[in-house]
């Protein structure tokens, strides 16, 4: 004998419940004007952000990387594996002296090498070594696998739709004059 279904609000899906559903249900009586869809979406985005941050931090620990080391390798990799220290300082939003310290530590670990430019002897070029590239790539792969695992529950069409919807939200967030833009 089938059990009777619980009544559902209009538009409510038959999705399994998650932590956020209980969170919203707990707050609705306290805040009667609370929009459960907005609260649910924002809370889920926050929880996903925290989840990805934890995965990233565990990945850094697994690859014996400090956050600043990963950030520096990441910015260098994003420039094709080679950049001037001043470019890295700009990318990292740091003073050049701070970048020099980072580069010295990464050089000691064998992750980067600094050489003089072949076109301008006054200029230094920082390059990722194979060890630096492999370590950065390994840490990135851990997070990438988790991203694909979670978004893999959606079809390709749903992933595109989610991406488009989040872009619309971010365009609005980035257009606010009082909000600093993210890198």
N, C-alpha and C. Protein backbone atom coordinates (compact mmCIF):
# COMPACT_ATOMS: atom_id res chain seq x y z
N UNK A 1 0.84 -1.17 0.00
CA UNK A 1 0.00 0.00 0.00
C UNK A 1 0.89 1.24 0.00
N UNK A 2 0.66 2.14 -0.93
CA UNK A 2 1.47 3.36 -1.04
C UNK A 2 1.06 4.37 0.03
N UNK A 3 2.05 5.06 0.54
CA UNK A 3 1.78 6.10 1.52
C UNK A 3 1.29 7.35 0.80
N UNK A 4 0.41 8.10 1.44
CA UNK A 4 -0.05 9.34 0.79
C UNK A 4 1.11 10.32 0.66
N UNK A 5 1.11 11.06 -0.44
CA UNK A 5 2.15 12.06 -0.66
C UNK A 5 1.90 13.27 0.22
N UNK A 6 3.01 13.86 0.66
CA UNK A 6 2.89 15.10 1.42
C UNK A 6 2.46 16.19 0.47
N UNK A 7 1.62 17.11 0.93
CA UNK A 7 1.22 18.22 0.05
C UNK A 7 2.44 19.06 -0.31
N UNK A 8 2.46 19.56 -1.54
CA UNK A 8 3.57 20.39 -2.01
C UNK A 8 3.05 21.77 -2.37
N UNK A 9 3.93 22.73 -2.16
CA UNK A 9 3.61 24.10 -2.58
C UNK A 9 3.65 24.15 -4.11
N UNK A 10 2.89 25.08 -4.71
CA UNK A 10 2.94 25.19 -6.17
C UNK A 10 4.37 25.44 -6.64
N UNK A 11 4.80 24.69 -7.65
CA UNK A 11 6.13 24.85 -8.21
C UNK A 11 7.21 24.10 -7.46
N UNK A 12 6.86 23.49 -6.31
CA UNK A 12 7.86 22.76 -5.54
C UNK A 12 8.17 21.43 -6.25
N UNK A 13 9.44 21.11 -6.35
CA UNK A 13 9.83 19.90 -7.06
C UNK A 13 9.81 18.69 -6.14
N UNK A 14 9.97 17.53 -6.73
CA UNK A 14 10.04 16.28 -5.97
C UNK A 14 11.49 15.89 -5.72
N UNK A 15 12.38 16.86 -5.68
CA UNK A 15 13.79 16.61 -5.45
C UNK A 15 13.99 16.13 -4.02
N UNK A 16 15.04 15.34 -3.79
CA UNK A 16 15.38 14.98 -2.40
C UNK A 16 15.69 16.25 -1.61
N UNK A 17 15.40 16.20 -0.32
CA UNK A 17 15.66 17.36 0.52
C UNK A 17 17.13 17.42 0.88
N UNK A 18 17.62 18.65 1.02
CA UNK A 18 18.99 18.85 1.47
C UNK A 18 18.98 19.71 2.72
N UNK A 19 20.17 20.02 3.25
CA UNK A 19 20.29 20.81 4.46
C UNK A 19 19.58 22.15 4.32
N UNK A 20 19.67 22.76 3.14
CA UNK A 20 19.10 24.08 2.92
C UNK A 20 17.58 24.07 3.04
N UNK A 21 16.93 22.98 2.60
CA UNK A 21 15.48 22.91 2.75
C UNK A 21 15.08 23.04 4.21
N UNK A 22 15.81 22.37 5.09
CA UNK A 22 15.52 22.47 6.52
C UNK A 22 15.84 23.87 7.05
N UNK A 23 16.92 24.47 6.56
CA UNK A 23 17.30 25.83 6.94
C UNK A 23 16.17 26.81 6.59
N UNK A 24 15.68 26.73 5.36
CA UNK A 24 14.61 27.63 4.92
C UNK A 24 13.35 27.40 5.75
N UNK A 25 12.99 26.14 5.96
CA UNK A 25 11.79 25.83 6.75
C UNK A 25 11.90 26.38 8.17
N UNK A 26 13.10 26.35 8.74
CA UNK A 26 13.32 26.85 10.09
C UNK A 26 13.16 28.37 10.16
N UNK A 27 13.58 29.08 9.10
CA UNK A 27 13.56 30.54 9.12
C UNK A 27 12.26 31.15 8.63
N UNK A 28 11.47 30.43 7.89
CA UNK A 28 10.23 31.01 7.37
C UNK A 28 9.28 31.49 8.46
N UNK A 29 9.08 30.74 9.54
CA UNK A 29 8.19 31.27 10.59
C UNK A 29 8.78 32.50 11.30
N UNK A 30 10.10 32.58 11.34
CA UNK A 30 10.76 33.69 12.02
C UNK A 30 10.73 34.94 11.15
N UNK A 31 10.89 34.75 9.85
CA UNK A 31 10.90 35.86 8.88
C UNK A 31 9.80 35.59 7.85
N UNK A 32 8.56 35.98 8.15
CA UNK A 32 7.45 35.65 7.26
C UNK A 32 7.60 36.18 5.84
N UNK A 33 8.37 37.23 5.62
CA UNK A 33 8.55 37.78 4.28
C UNK A 33 9.68 37.10 3.51
N UNK A 34 10.29 36.11 4.10
CA UNK A 34 11.42 35.42 3.47
C UNK A 34 10.97 34.70 2.21
N UNK A 35 11.65 34.97 1.12
CA UNK A 35 11.36 34.27 -0.12
C UNK A 35 12.14 32.96 -0.09
N UNK A 36 11.46 31.82 -0.01
CA UNK A 36 12.17 30.55 0.14
C UNK A 36 13.04 30.19 -1.07
N UNK A 37 12.66 30.65 -2.24
CA UNK A 37 13.45 30.35 -3.45
C UNK A 37 14.76 31.15 -3.44
N UNK A 38 14.65 32.44 -3.12
CA UNK A 38 15.86 33.27 -3.05
C UNK A 38 16.76 32.78 -1.93
N UNK A 39 16.20 32.58 -0.75
CA UNK A 39 17.00 32.10 0.38
C UNK A 39 17.63 30.75 0.07
N UNK A 40 16.89 29.86 -0.55
CA UNK A 40 17.42 28.55 -0.91
C UNK A 40 18.57 28.66 -1.90
N UNK A 41 18.39 29.47 -2.94
CA UNK A 41 19.44 29.60 -3.96
C UNK A 41 20.70 30.23 -3.37
N UNK A 42 20.55 31.31 -2.62
CA UNK A 42 21.71 32.00 -2.04
C UNK A 42 22.43 31.09 -1.04
N UNK A 43 21.68 30.42 -0.21
CA UNK A 43 22.28 29.53 0.79
C UNK A 43 23.02 28.38 0.11
N UNK A 44 22.43 27.82 -0.94
CA UNK A 44 23.11 26.73 -1.66
C UNK A 44 24.39 27.23 -2.33
N UNK A 45 24.36 28.44 -2.90
CA UNK A 45 25.58 28.98 -3.51
C UNK A 45 26.66 29.17 -2.45
N UNK A 46 26.27 29.68 -1.28
CA UNK A 46 27.24 29.86 -0.20
C UNK A 46 27.82 28.51 0.23
N UNK A 47 26.97 27.52 0.41
CA UNK A 47 27.44 26.22 0.87
C UNK A 47 28.33 25.56 -0.19
N UNK A 48 28.00 25.72 -1.46
CA UNK A 48 28.86 25.18 -2.52
C UNK A 48 30.21 25.88 -2.53
N UNK A 49 30.21 27.18 -2.32
CA UNK A 49 31.46 27.93 -2.27
C UNK A 49 32.34 27.43 -1.12
N UNK A 50 31.74 27.21 0.03
CA UNK A 50 32.48 26.68 1.19
C UNK A 50 32.99 25.28 0.87
N UNK A 51 32.17 24.46 0.24
CA UNK A 51 32.57 23.09 -0.11
C UNK A 51 33.78 23.11 -1.04
N UNK A 52 33.72 23.95 -2.08
CA UNK A 52 34.84 24.02 -3.02
C UNK A 52 36.10 24.58 -2.35
N UNK A 53 35.93 25.52 -1.43
CA UNK A 53 37.08 26.05 -0.70
C UNK A 53 37.73 24.95 0.14
N UNK A 54 36.92 24.12 0.79
CA UNK A 54 37.47 23.02 1.60
C UNK A 54 38.20 22.01 0.72
N UNK A 55 37.63 21.69 -0.44
CA UNK A 55 38.29 20.76 -1.36
C UNK A 55 39.62 21.36 -1.82
N UNK A 56 39.61 22.65 -2.16
CA UNK A 56 40.84 23.32 -2.60
C UNK A 56 41.89 23.29 -1.50
N UNK A 57 41.49 23.61 -0.28
CA UNK A 57 42.44 23.63 0.84
C UNK A 57 43.00 22.23 1.10
N UNK A 58 42.17 21.20 0.98
CA UNK A 58 42.67 19.83 1.16
C UNK A 58 43.62 19.47 0.04
N UNK A 59 43.31 19.92 -1.18
CA UNK A 59 44.20 19.69 -2.31
C UNK A 59 45.55 20.34 -2.09
N UNK A 60 45.55 21.57 -1.57
CA UNK A 60 46.81 22.25 -1.30
C UNK A 60 47.62 21.49 -0.25
N UNK A 61 46.95 20.99 0.77
CA UNK A 61 47.64 20.21 1.80
C UNK A 61 48.20 18.92 1.19
N UNK A 62 47.42 18.28 0.34
CA UNK A 62 47.88 17.04 -0.30
C UNK A 62 49.12 17.26 -1.16
N UNK A 63 49.21 18.44 -1.77
CA UNK A 63 50.36 18.75 -2.63
C UNK A 63 51.41 19.60 -1.91
N UNK A 64 51.28 19.70 -0.59
CA UNK A 64 52.24 20.43 0.25
C UNK A 64 52.47 21.86 -0.25
N UNK A 65 51.37 22.53 -0.55
CA UNK A 65 51.42 23.91 -1.03
C UNK A 65 50.74 24.83 -0.03
N UNK A 66 51.35 25.97 0.22
CA UNK A 66 50.68 27.04 0.95
C UNK A 66 49.78 27.77 -0.04
N UNK A 67 48.78 28.42 0.48
CA UNK A 67 47.84 29.15 -0.38
C UNK A 67 48.57 30.17 -1.26
N UNK A 68 49.49 30.93 -0.67
CA UNK A 68 50.20 31.95 -1.45
C UNK A 68 51.05 31.32 -2.54
N UNK A 69 51.59 30.11 -2.28
CA UNK A 69 52.39 29.43 -3.30
C UNK A 69 51.49 29.03 -4.47
N UNK A 70 50.34 28.45 -4.14
CA UNK A 70 49.41 28.06 -5.20
C UNK A 70 48.97 29.27 -6.01
N UNK A 71 48.61 30.35 -5.31
CA UNK A 71 48.15 31.56 -6.00
C UNK A 71 49.21 32.08 -6.97
N UNK A 72 50.45 32.07 -6.54
CA UNK A 72 51.53 32.56 -7.39
C UNK A 72 51.74 31.64 -8.58
N UNK A 73 51.77 30.33 -8.35
CA UNK A 73 51.89 29.38 -9.46
C UNK A 73 50.71 29.50 -10.42
N UNK A 74 49.52 29.71 -9.86
CA UNK A 74 48.31 29.83 -10.67
C UNK A 74 48.38 31.05 -11.60
N UNK A 75 48.79 32.18 -11.04
CA UNK A 75 48.90 33.40 -11.86
C UNK A 75 49.98 33.23 -12.91
N UNK A 76 51.07 32.59 -12.56
CA UNK A 76 52.14 32.36 -13.52
C UNK A 76 51.68 31.40 -14.62
N UNK A 77 50.99 30.35 -14.24
CA UNK A 77 50.46 29.41 -15.25
C UNK A 77 49.46 30.12 -16.17
N UNK A 78 48.68 31.03 -15.60
CA UNK A 78 47.70 31.77 -16.39
C UNK A 78 48.33 32.71 -17.40
N UNK A 79 49.60 32.98 -17.24
CA UNK A 79 50.34 33.82 -18.20
C UNK A 79 51.19 32.95 -19.12
N UNK A 80 50.83 31.68 -19.23
CA UNK A 80 51.56 30.79 -20.12
C UNK A 80 52.84 30.24 -19.51
N UNK A 81 53.01 30.40 -18.20
CA UNK A 81 54.17 29.85 -17.52
C UNK A 81 55.36 30.78 -17.45
N UNK A 82 55.20 32.01 -17.92
CA UNK A 82 56.31 32.96 -17.92
C UNK A 82 55.78 34.37 -17.74
N UNK A 83 56.44 35.13 -16.85
CA UNK A 83 56.00 36.51 -16.61
C UNK A 83 57.10 37.29 -15.91
N UNK A 84 57.00 38.58 -16.00
CA UNK A 84 57.89 39.46 -15.24
C UNK A 84 57.35 39.54 -13.81
N UNK A 85 58.23 39.71 -12.82
CA UNK A 85 57.76 39.87 -11.45
C UNK A 85 56.74 40.99 -11.29
N UNK A 86 56.92 42.08 -12.05
CA UNK A 86 55.96 43.20 -11.95
C UNK A 86 54.58 42.77 -12.43
N UNK A 87 54.52 41.90 -13.45
CA UNK A 87 53.22 41.41 -13.93
C UNK A 87 52.56 40.53 -12.87
N UNK A 88 53.36 39.69 -12.21
CA UNK A 88 52.81 38.86 -11.14
C UNK A 88 52.33 39.71 -9.98
N UNK A 89 53.09 40.74 -9.65
CA UNK A 89 52.69 41.64 -8.56
C UNK A 89 51.33 42.26 -8.88
N UNK A 90 51.16 42.68 -10.12
CA UNK A 90 49.89 43.27 -10.54
C UNK A 90 48.77 42.23 -10.47
N UNK A 91 49.03 41.04 -11.00
CA UNK A 91 48.01 39.97 -10.99
C UNK A 91 47.61 39.57 -9.57
N UNK A 92 48.58 39.57 -8.67
CA UNK A 92 48.33 39.16 -7.29
C UNK A 92 47.90 40.31 -6.39
N UNK A 93 47.91 41.52 -6.94
CA UNK A 93 47.57 42.73 -6.19
C UNK A 93 48.47 42.87 -4.96
N UNK A 94 49.79 42.72 -5.20
CA UNK A 94 50.78 42.78 -4.13
C UNK A 94 51.88 43.78 -4.50
N UNK A 95 52.59 44.21 -3.48
CA UNK A 95 53.77 45.05 -3.69
C UNK A 95 54.87 44.18 -4.31
N UNK A 96 55.67 44.76 -5.19
CA UNK A 96 56.76 43.99 -5.81
C UNK A 96 57.67 43.28 -4.80
N UNK A 97 57.95 43.90 -3.66
CA UNK A 97 58.80 43.27 -2.65
C UNK A 97 58.16 41.98 -2.12
N UNK A 98 56.86 41.97 -1.98
CA UNK A 98 56.16 40.76 -1.51
C UNK A 98 56.29 39.64 -2.52
N UNK A 99 56.23 39.98 -3.80
CA UNK A 99 56.35 38.98 -4.85
C UNK A 99 57.76 38.40 -4.87
N UNK A 100 58.75 39.24 -4.63
CA UNK A 100 60.14 38.77 -4.60
C UNK A 100 60.32 37.68 -3.54
N UNK A 101 59.73 37.88 -2.38
CA UNK A 101 59.81 36.88 -1.32
C UNK A 101 59.13 35.59 -1.71
N UNK A 102 57.99 35.70 -2.34
CA UNK A 102 57.28 34.51 -2.80
C UNK A 102 58.11 33.75 -3.83
N UNK A 103 58.65 34.49 -4.77
CA UNK A 103 59.42 33.86 -5.83
C UNK A 103 60.68 33.18 -5.28
N UNK A 104 61.30 33.80 -4.29
CA UNK A 104 62.48 33.19 -3.68
C UNK A 104 62.12 31.85 -3.05
N UNK A 105 61.00 31.80 -2.32
CA UNK A 105 60.57 30.55 -1.69
C UNK A 105 60.23 29.50 -2.74
N UNK A 106 59.53 29.91 -3.80
CA UNK A 106 59.16 28.96 -4.86
C UNK A 106 60.38 28.48 -5.62
N UNK A 107 61.36 29.35 -5.79
CA UNK A 107 62.60 28.97 -6.47
C UNK A 107 63.36 27.93 -5.64
N UNK A 108 63.40 28.11 -4.33
CA UNK A 108 64.07 27.16 -3.44
C UNK A 108 63.41 25.78 -3.52
N UNK A 109 62.10 25.76 -3.75
CA UNK A 109 61.37 24.49 -3.86
C UNK A 109 61.48 23.89 -5.26
N UNK A 110 62.07 24.63 -6.18
CA UNK A 110 62.23 24.12 -7.54
C UNK A 110 60.99 24.29 -8.40
N UNK A 111 60.07 25.17 -7.99
CA UNK A 111 58.82 25.37 -8.74
C UNK A 111 58.92 26.46 -9.79
N UNK A 112 59.84 27.40 -9.61
CA UNK A 112 60.04 28.46 -10.59
C UNK A 112 61.54 28.70 -10.74
N UNK A 113 61.90 29.36 -11.83
CA UNK A 113 63.28 29.82 -12.00
C UNK A 113 63.21 31.25 -12.53
N UNK A 114 64.16 32.04 -12.07
CA UNK A 114 64.26 33.43 -12.53
C UNK A 114 65.49 33.54 -13.42
N UNK A 115 65.28 34.13 -14.58
CA UNK A 115 66.38 34.34 -15.51
C UNK A 115 66.31 35.76 -16.05
N UNK A 116 67.44 36.20 -16.60
CA UNK A 116 67.44 37.51 -17.25
C UNK A 116 66.77 37.39 -18.61
N UNK A 117 66.06 38.43 -18.96
CA UNK A 117 65.42 38.48 -20.28
C UNK A 117 66.49 38.47 -21.36
N UNK A 118 66.20 37.79 -22.44
CA UNK A 118 67.14 37.76 -23.56
C UNK A 118 67.06 39.05 -24.37
N UNK A 119 65.99 39.81 -24.22
CA UNK A 119 65.83 41.05 -24.98
C UNK A 119 66.20 42.29 -24.18
N UNK A 120 66.14 42.20 -22.85
CA UNK A 120 66.47 43.35 -22.00
C UNK A 120 67.14 42.83 -20.73
N UNK A 121 68.43 43.00 -20.62
CA UNK A 121 69.20 42.43 -19.52
C UNK A 121 68.81 43.01 -18.16
N UNK A 122 68.10 44.12 -18.14
CA UNK A 122 67.63 44.70 -16.87
C UNK A 122 66.38 43.99 -16.37
N UNK A 123 65.74 43.25 -17.23
CA UNK A 123 64.46 42.62 -16.92
C UNK A 123 64.66 41.16 -16.50
N UNK A 124 63.91 40.75 -15.48
CA UNK A 124 63.93 39.36 -15.01
C UNK A 124 62.66 38.68 -15.50
N UNK A 125 62.79 37.43 -15.90
CA UNK A 125 61.65 36.64 -16.32
C UNK A 125 61.51 35.47 -15.34
N UNK A 126 60.29 35.23 -14.88
CA UNK A 126 60.00 34.11 -13.99
C UNK A 126 59.31 33.05 -14.83
N UNK A 127 59.80 31.82 -14.71
CA UNK A 127 59.23 30.71 -15.48
C UNK A 127 58.85 29.58 -14.55
N UNK A 128 57.74 28.94 -14.86
CA UNK A 128 57.37 27.72 -14.15
C UNK A 128 58.33 26.61 -14.56
N UNK A 129 58.79 25.84 -13.61
CA UNK A 129 59.56 24.64 -13.94
C UNK A 129 58.58 23.50 -14.17
N UNK A 130 59.08 22.38 -14.67
CA UNK A 130 58.21 21.22 -14.83
C UNK A 130 57.62 20.80 -13.49
N UNK A 131 58.44 20.84 -12.44
CA UNK A 131 57.95 20.47 -11.09
C UNK A 131 56.86 21.43 -10.63
N UNK A 132 57.06 22.73 -10.88
CA UNK A 132 56.05 23.71 -10.51
C UNK A 132 54.77 23.53 -11.28
N UNK A 133 54.89 23.28 -12.56
CA UNK A 133 53.71 23.08 -13.40
C UNK A 133 52.95 21.82 -12.98
N UNK A 134 53.67 20.73 -12.73
CA UNK A 134 53.02 19.48 -12.34
C UNK A 134 52.35 19.60 -10.97
N UNK A 135 52.98 20.29 -10.04
CA UNK A 135 52.38 20.48 -8.72
C UNK A 135 51.13 21.33 -8.82
N UNK A 136 51.21 22.43 -9.56
CA UNK A 136 50.04 23.30 -9.75
C UNK A 136 48.92 22.52 -10.43
N UNK A 137 49.27 21.79 -11.49
CA UNK A 137 48.27 21.04 -12.24
C UNK A 137 47.62 19.96 -11.38
N UNK A 138 48.41 19.29 -10.55
CA UNK A 138 47.86 18.27 -9.66
C UNK A 138 46.85 18.85 -8.69
N UNK A 139 47.18 19.99 -8.09
CA UNK A 139 46.24 20.65 -7.17
C UNK A 139 44.98 21.09 -7.91
N UNK A 140 45.15 21.60 -9.13
CA UNK A 140 43.99 22.02 -9.93
C UNK A 140 43.10 20.84 -10.29
N UNK A 141 43.71 19.72 -10.61
CA UNK A 141 42.94 18.54 -11.03
C UNK A 141 42.00 18.05 -9.93
N UNK A 142 42.45 18.11 -8.68
CA UNK A 142 41.60 17.66 -7.58
C UNK A 142 40.31 18.47 -7.54
N UNK A 143 40.45 19.79 -7.60
CA UNK A 143 39.27 20.64 -7.58
C UNK A 143 38.43 20.44 -8.84
N UNK A 144 39.10 20.33 -9.97
CA UNK A 144 38.38 20.12 -11.23
C UNK A 144 37.54 18.85 -11.22
N UNK A 145 38.10 17.79 -10.66
CA UNK A 145 37.34 16.53 -10.58
C UNK A 145 36.10 16.69 -9.71
N UNK A 146 36.24 17.43 -8.61
CA UNK A 146 35.08 17.65 -7.73
C UNK A 146 34.03 18.51 -8.42
N UNK A 147 34.47 19.52 -9.16
CA UNK A 147 33.52 20.37 -9.90
C UNK A 147 32.74 19.53 -10.92
N UNK A 148 33.46 18.70 -11.65
CA UNK A 148 32.78 17.84 -12.64
C UNK A 148 31.89 16.81 -11.97
N UNK A 149 32.31 16.30 -10.83
CA UNK A 149 31.49 15.32 -10.11
C UNK A 149 30.15 15.94 -9.72
N UNK A 150 30.20 17.14 -9.14
CA UNK A 150 28.97 17.76 -8.68
C UNK A 150 28.11 18.24 -9.84
N UNK A 151 28.71 18.90 -10.80
CA UNK A 151 27.91 19.40 -11.93
C UNK A 151 27.52 18.28 -12.88
N UNK A 152 28.13 17.11 -12.72
CA UNK A 152 27.77 15.96 -13.54
C UNK A 152 26.37 15.43 -13.27
N UNK A 153 25.74 15.87 -12.17
CA UNK A 153 24.36 15.45 -11.92
C UNK A 153 23.39 16.17 -12.87
N UNK A 154 23.90 17.21 -13.56
CA UNK A 154 23.08 17.97 -14.50
C UNK A 154 23.41 17.53 -15.92
N UNK A 155 22.43 17.62 -16.80
CA UNK A 155 22.67 17.36 -18.21
C UNK A 155 23.50 18.51 -18.79
N UNK A 156 24.03 18.32 -19.97
CA UNK A 156 24.80 19.39 -20.62
C UNK A 156 23.94 20.63 -20.79
N UNK A 157 22.69 20.44 -21.16
CA UNK A 157 21.77 21.58 -21.32
C UNK A 157 21.54 22.29 -19.99
N UNK A 158 21.38 21.54 -18.92
CA UNK A 158 21.17 22.14 -17.60
C UNK A 158 22.42 22.89 -17.13
N UNK A 159 23.60 22.33 -17.41
CA UNK A 159 24.84 23.03 -17.04
C UNK A 159 24.94 24.36 -17.79
N UNK A 160 24.61 24.35 -19.07
CA UNK A 160 24.62 25.60 -19.85
C UNK A 160 23.63 26.60 -19.28
N UNK A 161 22.45 26.12 -18.94
CA UNK A 161 21.43 27.00 -18.38
C UNK A 161 21.90 27.57 -17.04
N UNK A 162 22.45 26.73 -16.18
CA UNK A 162 22.96 27.20 -14.89
C UNK A 162 24.05 28.24 -15.10
N UNK A 163 24.96 27.98 -16.00
CA UNK A 163 26.03 28.92 -16.29
C UNK A 163 25.47 30.26 -16.78
N UNK A 164 24.48 30.22 -17.66
CA UNK A 164 23.86 31.45 -18.17
C UNK A 164 23.15 32.22 -17.06
N UNK A 165 22.45 31.50 -16.20
CA UNK A 165 21.74 32.16 -15.11
C UNK A 165 22.71 32.81 -14.12
N UNK A 166 23.77 32.09 -13.79
CA UNK A 166 24.77 32.65 -12.88
C UNK A 166 25.48 33.84 -13.50
N UNK A 167 25.70 33.80 -14.82
CA UNK A 167 26.31 34.95 -15.50
C UNK A 167 25.42 36.18 -15.35
N UNK A 168 24.12 36.01 -15.54
CA UNK A 168 23.20 37.15 -15.40
C UNK A 168 23.27 37.73 -14.00
N UNK A 169 23.35 36.87 -13.01
CA UNK A 169 23.44 37.33 -11.62
C UNK A 169 24.77 38.06 -11.40
N UNK A 170 25.87 37.51 -11.93
CA UNK A 170 27.18 38.13 -11.74
C UNK A 170 27.29 39.46 -12.48
N UNK A 171 26.68 39.57 -13.66
CA UNK A 171 26.70 40.85 -14.37
C UNK A 171 26.05 41.93 -13.49
N UNK A 172 24.96 41.58 -12.84
CA UNK A 172 24.30 42.53 -11.94
C UNK A 172 25.19 42.84 -10.74
N UNK A 173 25.79 41.81 -10.15
CA UNK A 173 26.66 42.02 -8.99
C UNK A 173 27.86 42.90 -9.36
N UNK A 174 28.44 42.66 -10.52
CA UNK A 174 29.61 43.42 -10.95
C UNK A 174 29.26 44.84 -11.37
N UNK A 175 27.99 45.10 -11.67
CA UNK A 175 27.61 46.44 -12.09
C UNK A 175 27.39 47.38 -10.92
N UNK A 176 27.29 46.83 -9.73
CA UNK A 176 27.08 47.67 -8.55
C UNK A 176 28.33 48.49 -8.29
N UNK A 177 28.18 49.80 -8.16
CA UNK A 177 29.32 50.69 -7.99
C UNK A 177 30.05 50.47 -6.68
N UNK A 178 29.36 50.04 -5.66
CA UNK A 178 29.96 49.91 -4.33
C UNK A 178 30.67 48.58 -4.12
N UNK A 179 30.62 47.69 -5.09
CA UNK A 179 31.22 46.37 -4.94
C UNK A 179 32.53 46.32 -5.71
N UNK A 180 33.58 45.84 -5.06
CA UNK A 180 34.88 45.68 -5.73
C UNK A 180 34.76 44.49 -6.68
N UNK A 181 35.29 44.61 -7.86
CA UNK A 181 35.24 43.54 -8.84
C UNK A 181 36.26 42.46 -8.50
N UNK A 182 35.89 41.23 -8.79
CA UNK A 182 36.72 40.09 -8.47
C UNK A 182 37.64 39.77 -9.63
N UNK A 183 38.76 39.11 -9.30
CA UNK A 183 39.70 38.64 -10.35
C UNK A 183 39.37 37.24 -10.72
